[in-house]
C-alpha atoms as a PDB file:
ATOM      1  CA  MET A   1      -2.685  -0.710 -15.260  1.00  0.00           C
ATOM      2  CA  THR A   2      -4.197  -2.398 -18.290  1.00  0.00           C
ATOM      3  CA  GLY A   3      -5.434  -5.968 -18.246  1.00  0.00           C
ATOM      4  CA  ALA A   4      -2.717  -6.901 -20.751  1.00  0.00           C
ATOM      5  CA  ALA A   5      -0.008  -5.469 -18.491  1.00  0.00           C
ATOM      6  CA  ARG A   6      -1.426  -7.318 -15.472  1.00  0.00           C
ATOM      7  CA  GLU A   7      -1.512 -10.577 -17.453  1.00  0.00           C
ATOM      8  CA  LEU A   8       2.083 -10.051 -18.599  1.00  0.00           C
ATOM      9  CA  LEU A   9       3.263  -9.602 -15.011  1.00  0.00           C
ATOM     10  CA  LEU A  10       1.224 -12.527 -13.729  1.00  0.00           C
ATOM     11  CA  SER A  11       2.517 -14.786 -16.499  1.00  0.00           C
ATOM     12  CA  ARG A  12       6.090 -14.092 -15.351  1.00  0.00           C
ATOM     13  CA  ILE A  13       5.498 -15.078 -11.700  1.00  0.00           C
ATOM     14  CA  ARG A  14       6.314 -18.727 -11.082  1.00  0.00           C
ATOM     15  CA  ASP A  15       4.696 -20.881  -8.406  1.00  0.00           C
ATOM     16  CA  VAL A  16       7.205 -22.994  -6.478  1.00  0.00           C
ATOM     17  CA  PRO A  17       5.410 -25.589  -4.336  1.00  0.00           C
ATOM     18  CA  ASP A  18       6.681 -26.544  -0.882  1.00  0.00           C
ATOM     19  CA  TYR A  19       9.216 -23.713  -0.660  1.00  0.00           C
ATOM     20  CA  PRO A  20      10.661 -22.718   1.780  1.00  0.00           C
ATOM     21  CA  LYS A  21       8.770 -25.436   3.653  1.00  0.00           C
ATOM     22  CA  PRO A  22       6.102 -28.054   2.908  1.00  0.00           C
ATOM     23  CA  GLY A  23       2.654 -26.621   2.281  1.00  0.00           C
ATOM     24  CA  VAL A  24       3.865 -23.178   1.157  1.00  0.00           C
ATOM     25  CA  MET A  25       3.335 -22.041  -2.454  1.00  0.00           C
ATOM     26  CA  PHE A  26       6.205 -19.566  -3.026  1.00  0.00           C
ATOM     27  CA  LYS A  27       5.642 -16.817  -5.599  1.00  0.00           C
ATOM     28  CA  ASP A  28       8.948 -16.468  -7.468  1.00  0.00           C
ATOM     29  CA  ILE A  29       9.383 -13.114  -9.238  1.00  0.00           C
ATOM     30  CA  THR A  30      12.799 -13.876 -10.745  1.00  0.00           C
ATOM     31  CA  PRO A  31      11.294 -14.786 -14.161  1.00  0.00           C
ATOM     32  CA  LEU A  32       9.614 -11.355 -14.192  1.00  0.00           C
ATOM     33  CA  LEU A  33      12.899  -9.654 -13.350  1.00  0.00           C
ATOM     34  CA  ALA A  34      14.659 -11.608 -16.117  1.00  0.00           C
ATOM     35  CA  ASP A  35      12.165 -10.390 -18.738  1.00  0.00           C
ATOM     36  CA  PRO A  36      13.103  -6.787 -19.624  1.00  0.00           C
ATOM     37  CA  ALA A  37       9.659  -5.999 -21.077  1.00  0.00           C
ATOM     38  CA  ALA A  38       7.819  -7.224 -17.986  1.00  0.00           C
ATOM     39  CA  PHE A  39      10.282  -5.545 -15.607  1.00  0.00           C
ATOM     40  CA  MET A  40       9.863  -2.262 -17.516  1.00  0.00           C
ATOM     41  CA  VAL A  41       6.051  -2.481 -17.314  1.00  0.00           C
ATOM     42  CA  LEU A  42       6.299  -3.071 -13.569  1.00  0.00           C
ATOM     43  CA  THR A  43       8.794  -0.221 -13.065  1.00  0.00           C
ATOM     44  CA  GLU A  44       6.736   2.247 -15.105  1.00  0.00           C
ATOM     45  CA  THR A  45       3.497   1.304 -13.349  1.00  0.00           C
ATOM     46  CA  LEU A  46       4.999   1.720  -9.884  1.00  0.00           C
ATOM     47  CA  ALA A  47       6.714   4.986 -10.897  1.00  0.00           C
ATOM     48  CA  GLU A  48       3.356   6.360 -12.112  1.00  0.00           C
ATOM     49  CA  LEU A  49       1.851   5.569  -8.702  1.00  0.00           C
ATOM     50  CA  CYS A  50       4.704   7.447  -7.012  1.00  0.00           C
ATOM     51  CA  VAL A  51       4.210  10.498  -9.180  1.00  0.00           C
ATOM     52  CA  ARG A  52       0.408  10.394  -8.745  1.00  0.00           C
ATOM     53  CA  GLN A  53       0.780  10.338  -4.946  1.00  0.00           C
ATOM     54  CA  GLY A  54       3.403  13.104  -4.887  1.00  0.00           C
ATOM     55  CA  ALA A  55       6.136  10.911  -3.431  1.00  0.00           C
ATOM     56  CA  THR A  56       9.518  12.520  -2.822  1.00  0.00           C
ATOM     57  CA  LYS A  57      11.182   9.290  -1.644  1.00  0.00           C
ATOM     58  CA  VAL A  58      10.703   5.597  -2.271  1.00  0.00           C
ATOM     59  CA  VAL A  59      11.323   3.049   0.460  1.00  0.00           C
ATOM     60  CA  GLY A  60      12.197  -0.501  -0.574  1.00  0.00           C
ATOM     61  CA  LEU A  61      11.724  -3.288   1.954  1.00  0.00           C
ATOM     62  CA  GLU A  62      14.504  -5.845   2.281  1.00  0.00           C
ATOM     63  CA  ALA A  63      15.293  -7.647   0.119  1.00  0.00           C
ATOM     64  CA  ARG A  64      13.181  -8.009  -3.027  1.00  0.00           C
ATOM     65  CA  GLY A  65      11.674  -4.593  -2.376  1.00  0.00           C
ATOM     66  CA  PHE A  66      15.149  -3.145  -3.064  1.00  0.00           C
ATOM     67  CA  ILE A  67      15.159  -4.690  -6.530  1.00  0.00           C
ATOM     68  CA  LEU A  68      11.777  -3.177  -7.376  1.00  0.00           C
ATOM     69  CA  ALA A  69      12.065   0.168  -5.619  1.00  0.00           C
ATOM     70  CA  ALA A  70      15.474   1.351  -6.844  1.00  0.00           C
ATOM     71  CA  PRO A  71      14.566   1.534 -10.572  1.00  0.00           C
ATOM     72  CA  VAL A  72      11.156   2.988  -9.643  1.00  0.00           C
ATOM     73  CA  ALA A  73      12.883   5.802  -7.750  1.00  0.00           C
ATOM     74  CA  VAL A  74      15.111   6.547 -10.747  1.00  0.00           C
ATOM     75  CA  LYS A  75      12.138   6.512 -13.157  1.00  0.00           C
ATOM     76  CA  ALA A  76      10.036   8.731 -10.843  1.00  0.00           C
ATOM     77  CA  GLY A  77      12.960  11.105 -10.188  1.00  0.00           C
ATOM     78  CA  VAL A  78      12.926  10.635  -6.419  1.00  0.00           C
ATOM     79  CA  GLY A  79      15.312   9.280  -3.801  1.00  0.00           C
ATOM     80  CA  PHE A  80      15.575   5.612  -2.822  1.00  0.00           C
ATOM     81  CA  ILE A  81      15.801   4.615   0.854  1.00  0.00           C
ATOM     82  CA  PRO A  82      16.452   1.006   1.895  1.00  0.00           C
ATOM     83  CA  VAL A  83      14.636  -0.341   4.937  1.00  0.00           C
ATOM     84  CA  ARG A  84      16.851  -3.144   6.216  1.00  0.00           C
ATOM     85  CA  LYS A  85      16.841  -5.865   8.805  1.00  0.00           C
ATOM     86  CA  ALA A  86      18.328  -4.722  12.114  1.00  0.00           C
ATOM     87  CA  GLY A  87      22.109  -4.466  12.267  1.00  0.00           C
ATOM     88  CA  LYS A  88      22.697  -4.077   8.505  1.00  0.00           C
ATOM     89  CA  LEU A  89      23.007  -0.270   8.266  1.00  0.00           C
ATOM     90  CA  PRO A  90      26.041   1.684   9.499  1.00  0.00           C
ATOM     91  CA  GLY A  91      25.629   4.882  11.471  1.00  0.00           C
ATOM     92  CA  ALA A  92      22.621   6.272  13.303  1.00  0.00           C
ATOM     93  CA  THR A  93      19.408   4.383  12.627  1.00  0.00           C
ATOM     94  CA  LEU A  94      15.804   4.317  13.717  1.00  0.00           C
ATOM     95  CA  SER A  95      14.461   0.837  14.374  1.00  0.00           C
ATOM     96  CA  GLN A  96      11.016  -0.689  14.618  1.00  0.00           C
ATOM     97  CA  ALA A  97      10.204  -4.097  16.075  1.00  0.00           C
ATOM     98  CA  TYR A  98       7.152  -6.040  14.903  1.00  0.00           C
ATOM     99  CA  GLU A  99       5.405  -9.339  15.493  1.00  0.00           C
ATOM    100  CA  LEU A 100       5.660 -12.321  13.192  1.00  0.00           C
ATOM    101  CA  GLU A 101       3.609 -15.491  13.291  1.00  0.00           C
ATOM    102  CA  TYR A 102       6.555 -17.225  14.959  1.00  0.00           C
ATOM    103  CA  GLY A 103       8.306 -14.469  16.926  1.00  0.00           C
ATOM    104  CA  THR A 104       9.525 -10.924  16.396  1.00  0.00           C
ATOM    105  CA  ALA A 105      11.711  -9.090  13.905  1.00  0.00           C
ATOM    106  CA  GLU A 106      13.160  -5.608  13.597  1.00  0.00           C
ATOM    107  CA  ILE A 107      13.767  -3.244  10.684  1.00  0.00           C
ATOM    108  CA  GLU A 108      15.863  -0.081  10.454  1.00  0.00           C
ATOM    109  CA  VAL A 109      16.369   3.022   8.344  1.00  0.00           C
ATOM    110  CA  HIS A 110      19.090   5.670   8.454  1.00  0.00           C
ATOM    111  CA  ALA A 111      17.773   8.402  10.718  1.00  0.00           C
ATOM    112  CA  GLU A 112      18.900  11.253   8.444  1.00  0.00           C
ATOM    113  CA  ASP A 113      17.415   9.852   5.203  1.00  0.00           C
ATOM    114  CA  LEU A 114      13.826  10.937   5.891  1.00  0.00           C
ATOM    115  CA  GLY A 115      12.484  14.278   7.070  1.00  0.00           C
ATOM    116  CA  ALA A 116       9.379  16.382   7.537  1.00  0.00           C
ATOM    117  CA  ASP A 117       9.279  17.472   3.878  1.00  0.00           C
ATOM    118  CA  ASP A 118       9.243  13.903   2.565  1.00  0.00           C
ATOM    119  CA  ARG A 119       6.258  11.992   1.218  1.00  0.00           C
ATOM    120  CA  VAL A 120       7.274   8.350   1.115  1.00  0.00           C
ATOM    121  CA  MET A 121       5.971   5.535  -1.075  1.00  0.00           C
ATOM    122  CA  VAL A 122       6.665   2.052   0.311  1.00  0.00           C
ATOM    123  CA  ILE A 123       7.343  -0.575  -2.355  1.00  0.00           C
ATOM    124  CA  ASP A 124       7.601  -4.324  -1.923  1.00  0.00           C
ATOM    125  CA  ASP A 125       7.049  -7.452  -3.963  1.00  0.00           C
ATOM    126  CA  VAL A 126       4.464  -9.298  -1.845  1.00  0.00           C
ATOM    127  CA  LEU A 127       1.945  -8.319   0.798  1.00  0.00           C
ATOM    128  CA  ALA A 128       1.423 -11.416   2.913  1.00  0.00           C
ATOM    129  CA  THR A 129       0.503 -10.906   6.582  1.00  0.00           C
ATOM    130  CA  GLY A 130       1.379  -7.188   6.484  1.00  0.00           C
ATOM    131  CA  GLY A 131       3.753  -7.102   9.456  1.00  0.00           C
ATOM    132  CA  THR A 132       6.801  -5.725   7.672  1.00  0.00           C
ATOM    133  CA  ALA A 133       4.801  -3.129   5.746  1.00  0.00           C
ATOM    134  CA  GLU A 134       3.018  -2.035   8.919  1.00  0.00           C
ATOM    135  CA  ALA A 135       6.345  -1.630  10.741  1.00  0.00           C
ATOM    136  CA  SER A 136       7.773   0.378   7.828  1.00  0.00           C
ATOM    137  CA  LEU A 137       4.880   2.859   8.015  1.00  0.00           C
ATOM    138  CA  GLU A 138       5.527   3.378  11.733  1.00  0.00           C
ATOM    139  CA  LEU A 139       9.240   3.826  11.032  1.00  0.00           C
ATOM    140  CA  ILE A 140       8.585   6.420   8.311  1.00  0.00           C
ATOM    141  CA  ARG A 141       6.315   8.417  10.595  1.00  0.00           C
ATOM    142  CA  ARG A 142       8.785   8.201  13.498  1.00  0.00           C
ATOM    143  CA  ALA A 143      11.401   9.687  11.146  1.00  0.00           C
ATOM    144  CA  GLY A 144       9.068  12.669  10.704  1.00  0.00           C
ATOM    145  CA  ALA A 145       8.007  11.923   7.122  1.00  0.00           C
ATOM    146  CA  GLN A 146       4.543  11.433   5.636  1.00  0.00           C
ATOM    147  CA  VAL A 147       3.335   8.199   4.056  1.00  0.00           C
ATOM    148  CA  ALA A 148       2.332   8.777   0.420  1.00  0.00           C
ATOM    149  CA  GLY A 149       1.166   5.181   0.013  1.00  0.00           C
ATOM    150  CA  VAL A 150       2.123   1.545  -0.318  1.00  0.00           C
ATOM    151  CA  ALA A 151       2.555  -0.165  -3.683  1.00  0.00           C
ATOM    152  CA  ILE A 152       2.819  -3.938  -3.882  1.00  0.00           C
ATOM    153  CA  LEU A 153       3.413  -6.144  -6.903  1.00  0.00           C
ATOM    154  CA  MET A 154       1.317  -8.995  -5.517  1.00  0.00           C
ATOM    155  CA  GLU A 155      -1.105  -9.331  -2.623  1.00  0.00           C
ATOM    156  CA  LEU A 156      -1.769 -12.749  -1.108  1.00  0.00           C
ATOM    157  CA  ALA A 157      -5.334 -11.912  -0.056  1.00  0.00           C
ATOM    158  CA  PHE A 158      -5.921 -15.159   1.833  1.00  0.00           C
ATOM    159  CA  LEU A 159      -3.295 -14.124   4.440  1.00  0.00           C
ATOM    160  CA  GLY A 160      -5.168 -10.970   5.506  1.00  0.00           C
ATOM    161  CA  GLY A 161      -2.348  -8.442   5.188  1.00  0.00           C
ATOM    162  CA  ARG A 162      -4.595  -5.679   3.831  1.00  0.00           C
ATOM    163  CA  ALA A 163      -6.870  -5.822   6.883  1.00  0.00           C
ATOM    164  CA  ARG A 164      -3.866  -5.644   9.199  1.00  0.00           C
ATOM    165  CA  LEU A 165      -2.349  -2.752   7.237  1.00  0.00           C
ATOM    166  CA  GLU A 166      -5.505  -0.601   6.862  1.00  0.00           C
ATOM    167  CA  PRO A 167      -5.308   1.134  10.281  1.00  0.00           C
ATOM    168  CA  ALA A 168      -1.597   1.916   9.809  1.00  0.00           C
ATOM    169  CA  LEU A 169      -2.235   3.477   6.384  1.00  0.00           C
ATOM    170  CA  ARG A 170      -4.313   6.275   7.973  1.00  0.00           C
ATOM    171  CA  GLY A 171      -5.982   7.026   4.652  1.00  0.00           C
ATOM    172  CA  ALA A 172      -2.894   6.590   2.452  1.00  0.00           C
ATOM    173  CA  PRO A 173      -3.584   4.326  -0.546  1.00  0.00           C
ATOM    174  CA  LEU A 174      -2.563   0.686  -0.814  1.00  0.00           C
ATOM    175  CA  ASP A 175      -2.098  -0.301  -4.466  1.00  0.00           C
ATOM    176  CA  SER A 176      -1.746  -3.975  -5.239  1.00  0.00           C
ATOM    177  CA  LEU A 177      -1.073  -4.707  -8.916  1.00  0.00           C
ATOM    178  CA  ILE A 178      -1.995  -8.399  -8.676  1.00  0.00           C
ATOM    179  CA  THR A 179      -4.191 -10.074  -6.069  1.00  0.00           C
ATOM    180  CA  VAL A 180      -4.142 -13.840  -5.624  1.00  0.00           C
END
């Protein structure tokens, strides 16, 4: 990604202080999504990463990851698979529990959507502590698929998500377009 493209994306991410609670600086991507030029740059950049890594499927993590991953899948010519919070998908699912700072959570994927021939790129908007991304990698592997990589719009480096995610990547690349 060029420096100009990175600056365009960064300029469209708004800081919202004290949201969702005091002391948190929320990174709002809705201005980026509202700007068709910036959204296209983001989509094309992520699609290029998918193609470069030989992805056959794109996984989007609930909920903003859906918004980013679906157009990337179309642009890259691969399938889109939503990874949802537990209880949101009908039919047979695989689930994966993971630890949060304040408890536990669980994500799910349709069991039949991933198979041994799939190379899966995980896409999300923000890498914070890495728990959800780590759980998604385990879920993908449990479904029998390979992890092609993880692509993140923005990494909040001060939260240590990359260090947590490194062992779960098992050599697959982690691409962060913007690091703050």
